């Protein structure tokens, strides 16, 4: 049986290497966690570094409030109806 689109997407997501911008644990640094390729791409430009800084700030603020997740805007997602 062929995999559904959702199952293929999960396979792709699972195969990616995920990291923080510093390479350290997110719980220690308060940084966002994302695919290594996307983090490197953002770090390669001034605009991307500024975007990462904003995301890290939002992540740290949410963590300080005791929230596990932060809406920092780096991860694209579809809105559910």
C-alpha atoms as a PDB file:
ATOM      1  CA  UNK A   1       0.000   0.000   0.000  1.00  0.00           C
ATOM      2  CA  UNK A   2       1.370   3.420  -0.922  1.00  0.00           C
ATOM      3  CA  UNK A   3       1.987   5.999   1.774  1.00  0.00           C
ATOM      4  CA  UNK A   4      -0.314   8.976   2.086  1.00  0.00           C
ATOM      5  CA  UNK A   5       0.941  12.537   1.613  1.00  0.00           C
ATOM      6  CA  UNK A   6       0.959  13.016   5.399  1.00  0.00           C
ATOM      7  CA  UNK A   7       3.019   9.859   5.923  1.00  0.00           C
ATOM      8  CA  UNK A   8       5.556  10.942   3.273  1.00  0.00           C
ATOM      9  CA  UNK A   9       5.786  14.374   4.901  1.00  0.00           C
ATOM     10  CA  UNK A  10       6.442  12.770   8.287  1.00  0.00           C
ATOM     11  CA  UNK A  11       9.187  10.618   6.745  1.00  0.00           C
ATOM     12  CA  UNK A  12      10.876  13.724   5.313  1.00  0.00           C
ATOM     13  CA  UNK A  13      10.560  15.576   8.624  1.00  0.00           C
ATOM     14  CA  UNK A  14      12.020  12.618  10.526  1.00  0.00           C
ATOM     15  CA  UNK A  15      15.023  12.269   8.198  1.00  0.00           C
ATOM     16  CA  UNK A  16      16.097  15.907   8.658  1.00  0.00           C
ATOM     17  CA  UNK A  17      18.815  16.799  11.138  1.00  0.00           C
ATOM     18  CA  UNK A  18      17.405  19.200  13.732  1.00  0.00           C
ATOM     19  CA  UNK A  19      19.473  21.589  15.837  1.00  0.00           C
ATOM     20  CA  UNK A  20      19.638  25.002  17.480  1.00  0.00           C
ATOM     21  CA  UNK A  21      21.651  27.909  15.989  1.00  0.00           C
ATOM     22  CA  UNK A  22      24.451  27.352  18.525  1.00  0.00           C
ATOM     23  CA  UNK A  23      24.351  23.559  18.302  1.00  0.00           C
ATOM     24  CA  UNK A  24      23.679  23.300  22.045  1.00  0.00           C
ATOM     25  CA  UNK A  25      20.528  21.983  23.703  1.00  0.00           C
ATOM     26  CA  UNK A  26      17.515  24.276  23.460  1.00  0.00           C
ATOM     27  CA  UNK A  27      16.648  23.751  27.115  1.00  0.00           C
ATOM     28  CA  UNK A  28      20.084  25.136  28.070  1.00  0.00           C
ATOM     29  CA  UNK A  29      20.173  28.099  25.674  1.00  0.00           C
ATOM     30  CA  UNK A  30      16.504  28.924  25.118  1.00  0.00           C
ATOM     31  CA  UNK A  31      17.049  28.943  21.365  1.00  0.00           C
ATOM     32  CA  UNK A  32      14.644  27.762  18.705  1.00  0.00           C
ATOM     33  CA  UNK A  33      15.003  24.263  17.339  1.00  0.00           C
ATOM     34  CA  UNK A  34      14.817  23.688  13.611  1.00  0.00           C
ATOM     35  CA  UNK A  35      16.135  21.809  10.589  1.00  0.00           C
ATOM     36  CA  UNK A  36      19.905  22.201  10.287  1.00  0.00           C
ATOM     37  CA  UNK A  37      19.667  23.338   6.637  1.00  0.00           C
ATOM     38  CA  UNK A  38      17.167  26.080   7.479  1.00  0.00           C
ATOM     39  CA  UNK A  39      19.226  27.303  10.447  1.00  0.00           C
ATOM     40  CA  UNK A  40      22.365  27.491   8.273  1.00  0.00           C
ATOM     41  CA  UNK A  41      20.485  29.350   5.545  1.00  0.00           C
ATOM     42  CA  UNK A  42      19.185  31.899   8.054  1.00  0.00           C
ATOM     43  CA  UNK A  43      22.647  32.374   9.573  1.00  0.00           C
ATOM     44  CA  UNK A  44      24.153  33.136   6.165  1.00  0.00           C
ATOM     45  CA  UNK A  45      22.503  36.566   5.798  1.00  0.00           C
ATOM     46  CA  UNK A  46      22.014  39.601   8.007  1.00  0.00           C
ATOM     47  CA  UNK A  47      18.254  39.455   7.467  1.00  0.00           C
ATOM     48  CA  UNK A  48      18.211  35.778   8.444  1.00  0.00           C
ATOM     49  CA  UNK A  49      20.295  36.396  11.571  1.00  0.00           C
ATOM     50  CA  UNK A  50      17.871  39.144  12.610  1.00  0.00           C
ATOM     51  CA  UNK A  51      14.952  36.761  12.046  1.00  0.00           C
ATOM     52  CA  UNK A  52      16.668  34.103  14.185  1.00  0.00           C
ATOM     53  CA  UNK A  53      17.313  36.668  16.926  1.00  0.00           C
ATOM     54  CA  UNK A  54      13.612  37.636  16.980  1.00  0.00           C
ATOM     55  CA  UNK A  55      12.587  33.981  17.066  1.00  0.00           C
ATOM     56  CA  UNK A  56      15.008  33.234  19.905  1.00  0.00           C
ATOM     57  CA  UNK A  57      13.660  36.205  21.860  1.00  0.00           C
ATOM     58  CA  UNK A  58      10.078  34.972  21.466  1.00  0.00           C
ATOM     59  CA  UNK A  59      11.147  31.434  22.437  1.00  0.00           C
ATOM     60  CA  UNK A  60      12.911  32.661  25.586  1.00  0.00           C
ATOM     61  CA  UNK A  61       9.919  34.833  26.566  1.00  0.00           C
ATOM     62  CA  UNK A  62       7.530  31.900  26.141  1.00  0.00           C
ATOM     63  CA  UNK A  63       9.850  29.636  28.130  1.00  0.00           C
ATOM     64  CA  UNK A  64       9.994  32.221  30.932  1.00  0.00           C
ATOM     65  CA  UNK A  65       6.169  32.133  31.049  1.00  0.00           C
ATOM     66  CA  UNK A  66       6.344  28.359  31.458  1.00  0.00           C
ATOM     67  CA  UNK A  67       5.174  27.560  27.941  1.00  0.00           C
ATOM     68  CA  UNK A  68       6.681  24.654  26.040  1.00  0.00           C
ATOM     69  CA  UNK A  69       5.988  26.051  22.588  1.00  0.00           C
ATOM     70  CA  UNK A  70       6.477  29.527  21.153  1.00  0.00           C
ATOM     71  CA  UNK A  71       4.872  31.033  18.060  1.00  0.00           C
ATOM     72  CA  UNK A  72       8.122  32.436  16.676  1.00  0.00           C
ATOM     73  CA  UNK A  73       7.249  32.221  12.987  1.00  0.00           C
ATOM     74  CA  UNK A  74      10.197  30.184  11.683  1.00  0.00           C
ATOM     75  CA  UNK A  75       8.220  27.030  10.997  1.00  0.00           C
ATOM     76  CA  UNK A  76       5.631  27.189   8.269  1.00  0.00           C
ATOM     77  CA  UNK A  77       2.355  25.548   9.037  1.00  0.00           C
ATOM     78  CA  UNK A  78      -1.048  25.320   7.525  1.00  0.00           C
ATOM     79  CA  UNK A  79      -4.052  26.651   9.376  1.00  0.00           C
ATOM     80  CA  UNK A  80      -6.664  24.056  10.061  1.00  0.00           C
ATOM     81  CA  UNK A  81     -10.239  24.813   9.110  1.00  0.00           C
END
